[in-house]
Amino acid sequence: MSRLLHVSSGPYAPPVPARELTVVSADGARLHAEVHGAEDAPPVVLVHGWTCSTAFWAAQIRELAADHRVIAYDQRGHGRSPASPACSTEALADDLEAVLAATLAPAERAVIAGHSMGGMTVLAASAREGFREHAAAVLLCSTGSSRLVAESTVLPLRAGRLRTALTRRVLGSRAPLGPVTPLARRILKYATMGAGSAPHMVEACARIVHACPRRVRHAWAHVLALLELDEAVRALAVPTEVVVGSHDRLTPPVHARALVAALPRCVGLTELPGLGHMTPVEAPELVSGRIRELVTTYTNSAADADVKEGA
């Protein structure tokens, strides 16, 4: 189990949940989940990415929990969820379905926001009955559906076989990240954030990423290197908005544009100038605002549709 993030105060300190629970997935994997805010408030589900944890969503939880029920969980092997030998997109989809079933009432619909591997989790679950029962709308932040290694610009080389091979080695490295040092912060900022990211944002992301066990980091890097979810994009039938940073080196804007072209019900693309891969941390107000707008527009309309159908 990974070390926990230690940020004593500020917008990136992990909020204290109103309720914690352990969700058991289809294969028996145990997932740490948190519920923030009032139980009768409109629900939002937050799904973090590779090497992160629920702490990654601290700013969104603080903003939204005032008038929403915010549900966040640690992906298997991340945060307080124990590692599992099963690492696959099917396992990610199983886990999301299990969290939705454990935290939402039957037919209750939520806005589901996924960042990076969290967005890929949403895509992997898009055709699942349990997902479709509970998804009112989706926000995809800094994510893609295939060719992640080939399109990555983490290494400043011309696109081609050499860059792809070297990028796979770098992202899939088994080397420990070690303590959060000034050099480590500079490397992480270059790879995952925009040049203008404030020091406190870089510090928060570095502490979260460095807390991920190296075996977990390596195992999921292998899954992401082989990712192929293009068909799943076309199965994501709910209203979906896409957000990406213009300087995202891990999932460059080419992925966001491909998603927009393939999504059945895309309701918007926001490309953020100068921002990198960590959009919920780099642009917390914008991401929270997009989630809030999706709740207002689609959660209420979904509830109204259910009432009319029942009548």
C-alpha atoms as a PDB file:
ATOM      1  CA  MET A   1       0.000   0.000   0.000  1.00  0.00           C
ATOM      2  CA  SER A   2       1.404   3.382  -0.959  1.00  0.00           C
ATOM      3  CA  ARG A   3       2.453   6.181   1.297  1.00  0.00           C
ATOM      4  CA  LEU A   4      -0.174   8.870   1.798  1.00  0.00           C
ATOM      5  CA  LEU A   5       0.154  12.421   0.589  1.00  0.00           C
ATOM      6  CA  HIS A   6       1.214  14.859   3.292  1.00  0.00           C
ATOM      7  CA  VAL A   7       0.115  18.414   2.542  1.00  0.00           C
ATOM      8  CA  SER A   8      -0.923  20.113   5.751  1.00  0.00           C
ATOM      9  CA  SER A   9      -3.037  22.942   4.354  1.00  0.00           C
ATOM     10  CA  GLY A  10      -4.183  24.761   1.256  1.00  0.00           C
ATOM     11  CA  PRO A  11      -6.377  23.778  -1.707  1.00  0.00           C
ATOM     12  CA  TYR A  12      -4.368  20.619  -2.436  1.00  0.00           C
ATOM     13  CA  ALA A  13      -4.537  19.159   1.060  1.00  0.00           C
ATOM     14  CA  PRO A  14      -6.795  16.075   0.934  1.00  0.00           C
ATOM     15  CA  PRO A  15     -10.200  17.001   2.413  1.00  0.00           C
ATOM     16  CA  VAL A  16     -11.664  14.904   5.219  1.00  0.00           C
ATOM     17  CA  PRO A  17     -14.496  12.764   3.808  1.00  0.00           C
ATOM     18  CA  ALA A  18     -17.950  12.585   5.329  1.00  0.00           C
ATOM     19  CA  ARG A  19     -17.838   8.822   4.853  1.00  0.00           C
ATOM     20  CA  GLU A  20     -15.276   6.188   3.844  1.00  0.00           C
ATOM     21  CA  LEU A  21     -15.990   2.702   2.579  1.00  0.00           C
ATOM     22  CA  THR A  22     -14.286  -0.299   1.058  1.00  0.00           C
ATOM     23  CA  VAL A  23     -15.721  -1.401  -2.275  1.00  0.00           C
ATOM     24  CA  VAL A  24     -15.147  -4.984  -3.438  1.00  0.00           C
ATOM     25  CA  SER A  25     -14.693  -5.361  -7.180  1.00  0.00           C
ATOM     26  CA  ALA A  26     -15.686  -8.316  -9.364  1.00  0.00           C
ATOM     27  CA  ASP A  27     -12.420 -10.194  -8.776  1.00  0.00           C
ATOM     28  CA  GLY A  28     -12.337  -9.483  -5.042  1.00  0.00           C
ATOM     29  CA  ALA A  29     -10.004  -6.469  -5.263  1.00  0.00           C
ATOM     30  CA  ARG A  30     -10.655  -4.021  -2.441  1.00  0.00           C
ATOM     31  CA  LEU A  31     -10.929  -0.326  -3.269  1.00  0.00           C
ATOM     32  CA  HIS A  32     -10.779   2.626  -0.906  1.00  0.00           C
ATOM     33  CA  ALA A  33     -13.659   5.029  -1.620  1.00  0.00           C
ATOM     34  CA  GLU A  34     -14.697   8.344  -0.092  1.00  0.00           C
ATOM     35  CA  VAL A  35     -17.921  10.323  -0.047  1.00  0.00           C
ATOM     36  CA  HIS A  36     -17.825  14.082   0.526  1.00  0.00           C
ATOM     37  CA  GLY A  37     -20.790  16.394   1.022  1.00  0.00           C
ATOM     38  CA  ALA A  38     -24.455  15.766   1.779  1.00  0.00           C
ATOM     39  CA  GLU A  39     -25.917  12.372   0.943  1.00  0.00           C
ATOM     40  CA  ASP A  40     -28.967  13.934  -0.735  1.00  0.00           C
ATOM     41  CA  ALA A  41     -26.957  16.277  -2.997  1.00  0.00           C
ATOM     42  CA  PRO A  42     -26.443  15.696  -6.754  1.00  0.00           C
ATOM     43  CA  PRO A  43     -23.722  13.059  -7.198  1.00  0.00           C
ATOM     44  CA  VAL A  44     -20.359  13.469  -8.895  1.00  0.00           C
ATOM     45  CA  VAL A  45     -17.861  10.621  -9.314  1.00  0.00           C
ATOM     46  CA  LEU A  46     -14.151  11.399  -9.733  1.00  0.00           C
ATOM     47  CA  VAL A  47     -11.755   8.849 -11.252  1.00  0.00           C
ATOM     48  CA  HIS A  48      -8.030   9.632 -10.969  1.00  0.00           C
ATOM     49  CA  GLY A  49      -5.219   8.665 -13.288  1.00  0.00           C
ATOM     50  CA  TRP A  50      -2.016   6.657 -13.396  1.00  0.00           C
ATOM     51  CA  THR A  51       0.241   7.066 -10.310  1.00  0.00           C
ATOM     52  CA  CYS A  52      -2.287   9.347  -8.582  1.00  0.00           C
ATOM     53  CA  SER A  53      -4.927   8.950  -5.838  1.00  0.00           C
ATOM     54  CA  THR A  54      -8.066  10.608  -4.473  1.00  0.00           C
ATOM     55  CA  ALA A  55      -5.769  13.415  -3.244  1.00  0.00           C
ATOM     56  CA  PHE A  56      -5.346  14.489  -6.877  1.00  0.00           C
ATOM     57  CA  TRP A  57      -8.953  15.750  -6.829  1.00  0.00           C
ATOM     58  CA  ALA A  58      -8.567  17.806  -3.633  1.00  0.00           C
ATOM     59  CA  ALA A  59      -9.417  21.138  -5.266  1.00  0.00           C
ATOM     60  CA  GLN A  60     -12.510  19.741  -7.008  1.00  0.00           C
ATOM     61  CA  ILE A  61     -13.702  18.012  -3.847  1.00  0.00           C
ATOM     62  CA  ARG A  62     -13.369  21.210  -1.823  1.00  0.00           C
ATOM     63  CA  GLU A  63     -15.226  23.252  -4.440  1.00  0.00           C
ATOM     64  CA  LEU A  64     -18.002  20.807  -5.264  1.00  0.00           C
ATOM     65  CA  ALA A  65     -18.738  19.175  -1.899  1.00  0.00           C
ATOM     66  CA  ALA A  66     -20.471  22.344  -0.686  1.00  0.00           C
ATOM     67  CA  ASP A  67     -23.525  21.469  -2.788  1.00  0.00           C
ATOM     68  CA  HIS A  68     -22.762  18.083  -4.378  1.00  0.00           C
ATOM     69  CA  ARG A  69     -22.171  14.545  -3.145  1.00  0.00           C
ATOM     70  CA  VAL A  70     -18.648  13.914  -4.366  1.00  0.00           C
ATOM     71  CA  ILE A  71     -17.491  10.304  -4.649  1.00  0.00           C
ATOM     72  CA  ALA A  72     -13.815   9.534  -5.231  1.00  0.00           C
ATOM     73  CA  TYR A  73     -11.904   6.275  -5.065  1.00  0.00           C
ATOM     74  CA  ASP A  74      -8.333   5.014  -5.299  1.00  0.00           C
ATOM     75  CA  GLN A  75      -7.668   2.885  -8.370  1.00  0.00           C
ATOM     76  CA  ARG A  76      -6.304  -0.569  -7.494  1.00  0.00           C
ATOM     77  CA  GLY A  77      -2.715  -0.302  -6.264  1.00  0.00           C
ATOM     78  CA  HIS A  78      -2.975   3.461  -5.818  1.00  0.00           C
ATOM     79  CA  GLY A  79      -3.522   5.491  -2.645  1.00  0.00           C
ATOM     80  CA  ARG A  80      -5.187   3.293  -0.044  1.00  0.00           C
ATOM     81  CA  SER A  81      -6.342   0.563  -2.441  1.00  0.00           C
ATOM     82  CA  PRO A  82      -4.100  -2.531  -2.210  1.00  0.00           C
ATOM     83  CA  ALA A  83      -2.264  -3.678  -5.312  1.00  0.00           C
ATOM     84  CA  SER A  84      -3.798  -6.460  -7.355  1.00  0.00           C
ATOM     85  CA  PRO A  85      -2.183  -8.905  -9.800  1.00  0.00           C
ATOM     86  CA  ALA A  86      -5.000  -8.090 -12.230  1.00  0.00           C
ATOM     87  CA  CYS A  87      -4.029  -4.983 -14.207  1.00  0.00           C
ATOM     88  CA  SER A  88      -6.149  -4.449 -17.308  1.00  0.00           C
ATOM     89  CA  THR A  89      -8.752  -2.136 -18.768  1.00  0.00           C
ATOM     90  CA  GLU A  90     -11.350  -4.786 -17.926  1.00  0.00           C
ATOM     91  CA  ALA A  91     -10.319  -4.565 -14.268  1.00  0.00           C
ATOM     92  CA  LEU A  92     -10.597  -0.763 -14.395  1.00  0.00           C
ATOM     93  CA  ALA A  93     -14.122  -1.064 -15.791  1.00  0.00           C
ATOM     94  CA  ASP A  94     -15.047  -3.659 -13.152  1.00  0.00           C
ATOM     95  CA  ASP A  95     -13.809  -1.320 -10.425  1.00  0.00           C
ATOM     96  CA  LEU A  96     -15.774   1.680 -11.680  1.00  0.00           C
ATOM     97  CA  GLU A  97     -18.934  -0.401 -11.970  1.00  0.00           C
ATOM     98  CA  ALA A  98     -18.429  -1.658  -8.407  1.00  0.00           C
ATOM     99  CA  VAL A  99     -17.946   1.872  -7.042  1.00  0.00           C
ATOM    100  CA  LEU A 100     -21.059   3.129  -8.822  1.00  0.00           C
ATOM    101  CA  ALA A 101     -23.129   0.234  -7.485  1.00  0.00           C
ATOM    102  CA  ALA A 102     -21.842   0.729  -3.925  1.00  0.00           C
ATOM    103  CA  THR A 103     -22.306   4.500  -3.726  1.00  0.00           C
ATOM    104  CA  LEU A 104     -25.347   5.299  -5.870  1.00  0.00           C
ATOM    105  CA  ALA A 105     -28.939   4.209  -5.529  1.00  0.00           C
ATOM    106  CA  PRO A 106     -30.405   2.020  -8.302  1.00  0.00           C
ATOM    107  CA  ALA A 107     -30.870   4.149 -11.457  1.00  0.00           C
ATOM    108  CA  GLU A 108     -29.375   7.209  -9.729  1.00  0.00           C
ATOM    109  CA  ARG A 109     -27.273   9.112 -12.246  1.00  0.00           C
ATOM    110  CA  ALA A 110     -24.076  11.055 -11.688  1.00  0.00           C
ATOM    111  CA  VAL A 111     -21.638  13.147 -13.647  1.00  0.00           C
ATOM    112  CA  ILE A 112     -18.461  11.085 -13.935  1.00  0.00           C
ATOM    113  CA  ALA A 113     -15.136  12.866 -14.418  1.00  0.00           C
ATOM    114  CA  GLY A 114     -12.001  10.956 -15.357  1.00  0.00           C
ATOM    115  CA  HIS A 115      -8.452  12.245 -15.653  1.00  0.00           C
ATOM    116  CA  SER A 116      -5.860  10.432 -17.790  1.00  0.00           C
ATOM    117  CA  MET A 117      -6.125   6.723 -16.864  1.00  0.00           C
ATOM    118  CA  GLY A 118      -9.349   7.700 -15.098  1.00  0.00           C
ATOM    119  CA  GLY A 119     -10.755   8.828 -18.436  1.00  0.00           C
ATOM    120  CA  MET A 120      -9.590   5.550 -19.936  1.00  0.00           C
ATOM    121  CA  THR A 121     -11.437   3.787 -17.113  1.00  0.00           C
ATOM    122  CA  VAL A 122     -14.632   5.567 -18.148  1.00  0.00           C
ATOM    123  CA  LEU A 123     -14.071   4.553 -21.768  1.00  0.00           C
ATOM    124  CA  ALA A 124     -13.418   0.931 -20.778  1.00  0.00           C
ATOM    125  CA  ALA A 125     -16.740   0.868 -18.905  1.00  0.00           C
ATOM    126  CA  SER A 126     -18.739   2.734 -21.557  1.00  0.00           C
ATOM    127  CA  ALA A 127     -20.673  -0.288 -22.816  1.00  0.00           C
ATOM    128  CA  ARG A 128     -21.231  -1.812 -19.362  1.00  0.00           C
ATOM    129  CA  GLU A 129     -24.806  -1.986 -18.067  1.00  0.00           C
ATOM    130  CA  GLY A 130     -23.776  -0.733 -14.624  1.00  0.00           C
ATOM    131  CA  PHE A 131     -22.086   2.304 -16.126  1.00  0.00           C
ATOM    132  CA  ARG A 132     -24.980   3.177 -18.409  1.00  0.00           C
ATOM    133  CA  GLU A 133     -27.433   2.894 -15.525  1.00  0.00           C
ATOM    134  CA  HIS A 134     -25.559   5.508 -13.503  1.00  0.00           C
ATOM    135  CA  ALA A 135     -23.894   7.903 -15.976  1.00  0.00           C
ATOM    136  CA  ALA A 136     -25.718  11.151 -16.728  1.00  0.00           C
ATOM    137  CA  ALA A 137     -22.747  12.869 -18.362  1.00  0.00           C
ATOM    138  CA  VAL A 138     -18.968  12.570 -18.529  1.00  0.00           C
ATOM    139  CA  LEU A 139     -15.965  14.889 -18.384  1.00  0.00           C
ATOM    140  CA  LEU A 140     -12.773  13.511 -19.933  1.00  0.00           C
ATOM    141  CA  CYS A 141      -9.648  15.388 -18.832  1.00  0.00           C
ATOM    142  CA  SER A 142      -6.247  14.912 -20.461  1.00  0.00           C
ATOM    143  CA  THR A 143      -6.843  11.433 -21.813  1.00  0.00           C
ATOM    144  CA  GLY A 144      -6.794   9.278 -24.925  1.00  0.00           C
ATOM    145  CA  SER A 145      -7.986   5.956 -26.265  1.00  0.00           C
ATOM    146  CA  SER A 146      -4.965   4.486 -28.106  1.00  0.00           C
ATOM    147  CA  ARG A 147      -1.400   5.149 -29.371  1.00  0.00           C
ATOM    148  CA  LEU A 148      -0.419   6.733 -26.061  1.00  0.00           C
ATOM    149  CA  VAL A 149       3.290   5.960 -26.343  1.00  0.00           C
ATOM    150  CA  ALA A 150       3.561   6.760 -30.039  1.00  0.00           C
ATOM    151  CA  GLU A 151       1.913  10.182 -29.636  1.00  0.00           C
ATOM    152  CA  SER A 152       3.665  11.170 -26.392  1.00  0.00           C
ATOM    153  CA  THR A 153       6.038  14.115 -26.675  1.00  0.00           C
ATOM    154  CA  VAL A 154       7.748  13.644 -23.299  1.00  0.00           C
ATOM    155  CA  LEU A 155      10.987  13.026 -25.200  1.00  0.00           C
ATOM    156  CA  PRO A 156      11.901  15.907 -27.545  1.00  0.00           C
ATOM    157  CA  LEU A 157      12.542  13.683 -30.538  1.00  0.00           C
ATOM    158  CA  ARG A 158      11.008  13.370 -33.985  1.00  0.00           C
ATOM    159  CA  ALA A 159       7.998  11.039 -34.049  1.00  0.00           C
ATOM    160  CA  GLY A 160       8.907   7.506 -35.079  1.00  0.00           C
ATOM    161  CA  ARG A 161      10.074   4.122 -33.897  1.00  0.00           C
ATOM    162  CA  LEU A 162      13.041   5.420 -31.905  1.00  0.00           C
ATOM    163  CA  ARG A 163      10.981   7.931 -29.920  1.00  0.00           C
ATOM    164  CA  THR A 164       8.275   5.339 -29.316  1.00  0.00           C
ATOM    165  CA  ALA A 165      10.761   2.746 -28.063  1.00  0.00           C
ATOM    166  CA  LEU A 166      12.568   5.193 -25.783  1.00  0.00           C
ATOM    167  CA  THR A 167       9.303   6.641 -24.435  1.00  0.00           C
ATOM    168  CA  ARG A 168       8.076   3.148 -23.592  1.00  0.00           C
ATOM    169  CA  ARG A 169      11.280   2.536 -21.628  1.00  0.00           C
ATOM    170  CA  VAL A 170      11.033   5.842 -19.749  1.00  0.00           C
ATOM    171  CA  LEU A 171       7.343   5.596 -18.827  1.00  0.00           C
ATOM    172  CA  GLY A 172       7.604   1.897 -17.975  1.00  0.00           C
ATOM    173  CA  SER A 173      10.754   2.210 -15.878  1.00  0.00           C
ATOM    174  CA  ARG A 174      10.985   0.128 -12.710  1.00  0.00           C
ATOM    175  CA  ALA A 175      13.345   2.664 -11.118  1.00  0.00           C
ATOM    176  CA  PRO A 176      12.179   4.133  -7.790  1.00  0.00           C
ATOM    177  CA  LEU A 177      11.282   7.809  -7.905  1.00  0.00           C
ATOM    178  CA  GLY A 178      12.762   8.448  -4.474  1.00  0.00           C
ATOM    179  CA  PRO A 179      12.139  11.528  -2.338  1.00  0.00           C
ATOM    180  CA  VAL A 180      10.642  14.735  -3.705  1.00  0.00           C
ATOM    181  CA  THR A 181      13.739  16.811  -4.385  1.00  0.00           C
ATOM    182  CA  PRO A 182      14.159  20.038  -6.401  1.00  0.00           C
ATOM    183  CA  LEU A 183      15.412  17.956  -9.338  1.00  0.00           C
ATOM    184  CA  ALA A 184      12.451  15.583  -9.054  1.00  0.00           C
ATOM    185  CA  ARG A 185      10.056  18.530  -9.077  1.00  0.00           C
ATOM    186  CA  ARG A 186      11.709  19.949 -12.205  1.00  0.00           C
ATOM    187  CA  ILE A 187      11.481  16.619 -14.022  1.00  0.00           C
ATOM    188  CA  LEU A 188       7.848  16.079 -13.073  1.00  0.00           C
ATOM    189  CA  LYS A 189       6.932  19.640 -14.059  1.00  0.00           C
ATOM    190  CA  TYR A 190       8.575  19.245 -17.461  1.00  0.00           C
ATOM    191  CA  ALA A 191       6.892  15.910 -18.158  1.00  0.00           C
ATOM    192  CA  THR A 192       3.409  16.576 -16.803  1.00  0.00           C
ATOM    193  CA  MET A 193       2.701  20.286 -16.308  1.00  0.00           C
ATOM    194  CA  GLY A 194       2.814  23.603 -18.103  1.00  0.00           C
ATOM    195  CA  ALA A 195       5.804  25.908 -17.731  1.00  0.00           C
ATOM    196  CA  GLY A 196       3.729  28.437 -15.803  1.00  0.00           C
ATOM    197  CA  SER A 197       2.493  26.011 -13.133  1.00  0.00           C
ATOM    198  CA  ALA A 198       2.828  27.468  -9.644  1.00  0.00           C
ATOM    199  CA  PRO A 199       5.297  25.822  -7.234  1.00  0.00           C
ATOM    200  CA  HIS A 200       2.545  24.674  -4.876  1.00  0.00           C
ATOM    201  CA  MET A 201       0.828  22.853  -7.769  1.00  0.00           C
ATOM    202  CA  VAL A 202       4.073  21.133  -8.742  1.00  0.00           C
ATOM    203  CA  GLU A 203       4.725  20.165  -5.124  1.00  0.00           C
ATOM    204  CA  ALA A 204       1.262  18.664  -4.722  1.00  0.00           C
ATOM    205  CA  CYS A 205       1.555  16.607  -7.915  1.00  0.00           C
ATOM    206  CA  ALA A 206       5.072  15.463  -7.085  1.00  0.00           C
ATOM    207  CA  ARG A 207       4.037  14.188  -3.653  1.00  0.00           C
ATOM    208  CA  ILE A 208       1.083  12.318  -5.104  1.00  0.00           C
ATOM    209  CA  VAL A 209       3.039  10.713  -7.963  1.00  0.00           C
ATOM    210  CA  HIS A 210       6.062   9.810  -5.818  1.00  0.00           C
ATOM    211  CA  ALA A 211       3.751   8.037  -3.355  1.00  0.00           C
ATOM    212  CA  CYS A 212       2.774   5.465  -5.996  1.00  0.00           C
ATOM    213  CA  PRO A 213       4.708   2.187  -5.541  1.00  0.00           C
ATOM    214  CA  ARG A 214       7.103   1.537  -8.413  1.00  0.00           C
ATOM    215  CA  ARG A 215       5.684  -1.943  -9.090  1.00  0.00           C
ATOM    216  CA  VAL A 216       2.220  -0.457  -9.469  1.00  0.00           C
ATOM    217  CA  ARG A 217       3.565   2.319 -11.681  1.00  0.00           C
ATOM    218  CA  HIS A 218       5.337  -0.208 -13.912  1.00  0.00           C
ATOM    219  CA  ALA A 219       2.383  -2.621 -14.129  1.00  0.00           C
ATOM    220  CA  TRP A 220      -0.077   0.043 -15.225  1.00  0.00           C
ATOM    221  CA  ALA A 221       2.450   1.626 -17.613  1.00  0.00           C
ATOM    222  CA  HIS A 222       2.457  -1.688 -19.485  1.00  0.00           C
ATOM    223  CA  VAL A 223      -1.361  -1.625 -19.713  1.00  0.00           C
ATOM    224  CA  LEU A 224      -1.367   1.948 -20.989  1.00  0.00           C
ATOM    225  CA  ALA A 225       1.330   1.211 -23.567  1.00  0.00           C
ATOM    226  CA  LEU A 226      -0.968  -1.397 -25.133  1.00  0.00           C
ATOM    227  CA  LEU A 227      -4.183   0.611 -24.748  1.00  0.00           C
ATOM    228  CA  GLU A 228      -6.766   0.165 -27.494  1.00  0.00           C
ATOM    229  CA  LEU A 229     -10.130   1.696 -26.625  1.00  0.00           C
ATOM    230  CA  ASP A 230     -11.159   3.353 -29.892  1.00  0.00           C
ATOM    231  CA  GLU A 231     -14.305   1.220 -30.132  1.00  0.00           C
ATOM    232  CA  ALA A 232     -15.172   2.099 -26.544  1.00  0.00           C
ATOM    233  CA  VAL A 233     -15.202   5.804 -27.441  1.00  0.00           C
ATOM    234  CA  ARG A 234     -17.997   5.163 -29.926  1.00  0.00           C
ATOM    235  CA  ALA A 235     -19.927   3.310 -27.214  1.00  0.00           C
ATOM    236  CA  LEU A 236     -19.866   6.255 -24.790  1.00  0.00           C
ATOM    237  CA  ALA A 237     -23.426   7.369 -25.480  1.00  0.00           C
ATOM    238  CA  VAL A 238     -23.905  10.007 -22.769  1.00  0.00           C
ATOM    239  CA  PRO A 239     -23.139  13.734 -23.178  1.00  0.00           C
ATOM    240  CA  THR A 240     -19.365  14.061 -22.911  1.00  0.00           C
ATOM    241  CA  GLU A 241     -17.087  17.079 -22.623  1.00  0.00           C
ATOM    242  CA  VAL A 242     -13.336  16.978 -23.253  1.00  0.00           C
ATOM    243  CA  VAL A 243     -10.612  19.115 -21.646  1.00  0.00           C
ATOM    244  CA  VAL A 244      -6.917  19.123 -22.583  1.00  0.00           C
ATOM    245  CA  GLY A 245      -3.863  21.293 -22.037  1.00  0.00           C
ATOM    246  CA  SER A 246      -2.187  22.620 -25.176  1.00  0.00           C
ATOM    247  CA  HIS A 247       1.217  21.587 -23.780  1.00  0.00           C
ATOM    248  CA  ASP A 248       0.188  18.131 -22.547  1.00  0.00           C
ATOM    249  CA  ARG A 249       3.161  15.855 -23.310  1.00  0.00           C
ATOM    250  CA  LEU A 250       1.610  12.608 -22.046  1.00  0.00           C
ATOM    251  CA  THR A 251      -1.725  12.843 -23.885  1.00  0.00           C
ATOM    252  CA  PRO A 252      -1.251  15.663 -26.413  1.00  0.00           C
ATOM    253  CA  PRO A 253      -4.254  17.478 -27.937  1.00  0.00           C
ATOM    254  CA  VAL A 254      -4.274  15.079 -30.899  1.00  0.00           C
ATOM    255  CA  HIS A 255      -5.950  12.583 -28.554  1.00  0.00           C
ATOM    256  CA  ALA A 256      -8.612  15.062 -27.433  1.00  0.00           C
ATOM    257  CA  ARG A 257      -9.442  15.933 -31.033  1.00  0.00           C
ATOM    258  CA  ALA A 258      -9.734  12.238 -31.938  1.00  0.00           C
ATOM    259  CA  LEU A 259     -12.108  11.731 -29.010  1.00  0.00           C
ATOM    260  CA  VAL A 260     -14.250  14.672 -30.094  1.00  0.00           C
ATOM    261  CA  ALA A 261     -14.470  13.291 -33.631  1.00  0.00           C
ATOM    262  CA  ALA A 262     -15.538   9.820 -32.448  1.00  0.00           C
ATOM    263  CA  LEU A 263     -17.802  10.547 -29.469  1.00  0.00           C
ATOM    264  CA  PRO A 264     -21.516  10.089 -30.239  1.00  0.00           C
ATOM    265  CA  ARG A 265     -22.580  13.005 -28.019  1.00  0.00           C
ATOM    266  CA  CYS A 266     -19.637  15.355 -27.576  1.00  0.00           C
ATOM    267  CA  VAL A 267     -20.830  18.606 -25.978  1.00  0.00           C
ATOM    268  CA  GLY A 268     -17.587  20.550 -26.046  1.00  0.00           C
ATOM    269  CA  LEU A 269     -13.809  20.654 -26.278  1.00  0.00           C
ATOM    270  CA  THR A 270     -11.752  23.025 -24.133  1.00  0.00           C
ATOM    271  CA  GLU A 271      -8.080  23.359 -25.041  1.00  0.00           C
ATOM    272  CA  LEU A 272      -6.218  25.239 -22.304  1.00  0.00           C
ATOM    273  CA  PRO A 273      -3.285  27.338 -23.581  1.00  0.00           C
ATOM    274  CA  GLY A 274       0.034  26.664 -21.877  1.00  0.00           C
ATOM    275  CA  LEU A 275      -1.253  23.921 -19.578  1.00  0.00           C
ATOM    276  CA  GLY A 276       0.115  20.408 -19.321  1.00  0.00           C
ATOM    277  CA  HIS A 277      -1.280  17.003 -18.413  1.00  0.00           C
ATOM    278  CA  MET A 278      -2.432  17.736 -14.840  1.00  0.00           C
ATOM    279  CA  THR A 279      -5.423  19.884 -15.807  1.00  0.00           C
ATOM    280  CA  PRO A 280      -7.519  19.372 -12.627  1.00  0.00           C
ATOM    281  CA  VAL A 281      -4.569  20.694 -10.591  1.00  0.00           C
ATOM    282  CA  GLU A 282      -3.362  23.304 -13.088  1.00  0.00           C
ATOM    283  CA  ALA A 283      -6.845  24.716 -13.811  1.00  0.00           C
ATOM    284  CA  PRO A 284      -8.897  23.703 -10.754  1.00  0.00           C
ATOM    285  CA  GLU A 285     -11.617  26.345 -11.091  1.00  0.00           C
ATOM    286  CA  LEU A 286     -12.221  25.578 -14.759  1.00  0.00           C
ATOM    287  CA  VAL A 287     -12.428  21.808 -14.255  1.00  0.00           C
ATOM    288  CA  SER A 288     -14.732  22.199 -11.247  1.00  0.00           C
ATOM    289  CA  GLY A 289     -16.847  24.629 -13.254  1.00  0.00           C
ATOM    290  CA  ARG A 290     -17.185  22.206 -16.156  1.00  0.00           C
ATOM    291  CA  ILE A 291     -18.297  19.456 -13.772  1.00  0.00           C
ATOM    292  CA  ARG A 292     -20.808  21.794 -12.143  1.00  0.00           C
ATOM    293  CA  GLU A 293     -22.232  22.790 -15.535  1.00  0.00           C
ATOM    294  CA  LEU A 294     -22.630  19.153 -16.550  1.00  0.00           C
ATOM    295  CA  VAL A 295     -24.480  18.408 -13.303  1.00  0.00           C
ATOM    296  CA  THR A 296     -26.821  21.364 -13.821  1.00  0.00           C
ATOM    297  CA  THR A 297     -27.507  20.545 -17.455  1.00  0.00           C
ATOM    298  CA  TYR A 298     -27.682  16.761 -17.500  1.00  0.00           C
ATOM    299  CA  THR A 299     -28.301  15.331 -14.037  1.00  0.00           C
ATOM    300  CA  ASN A 300     -31.552  17.256 -13.673  1.00  0.00           C
ATOM    301  CA  SER A 301     -32.668  16.515 -17.217  1.00  0.00           C
ATOM    302  CA  ALA A 302     -31.893  12.803 -16.723  1.00  0.00           C
ATOM    303  CA  ALA A 303     -34.001  12.768 -13.558  1.00  0.00           C
ATOM    304  CA  ASP A 304     -36.838  14.541 -15.379  1.00  0.00           C
ATOM    305  CA  ALA A 305     -36.667  11.993 -18.193  1.00  0.00           C
ATOM    306  CA  ASP A 306     -36.931   9.140 -15.717  1.00  0.00           C
ATOM    307  CA  VAL A 307     -40.000  10.711 -14.139  1.00  0.00           C
ATOM    308  CA  LYS A 308     -41.669  11.116 -17.536  1.00  0.00           C
ATOM    309  CA  GLU A 309     -40.797   7.546 -18.506  1.00  0.00           C
ATOM    310  CA  GLY A 310     -42.227   6.263 -15.224  1.00  0.00           C
ATOM    311  CA  ALA A 311     -45.424   8.215 -15.788  1.00  0.00           C
END
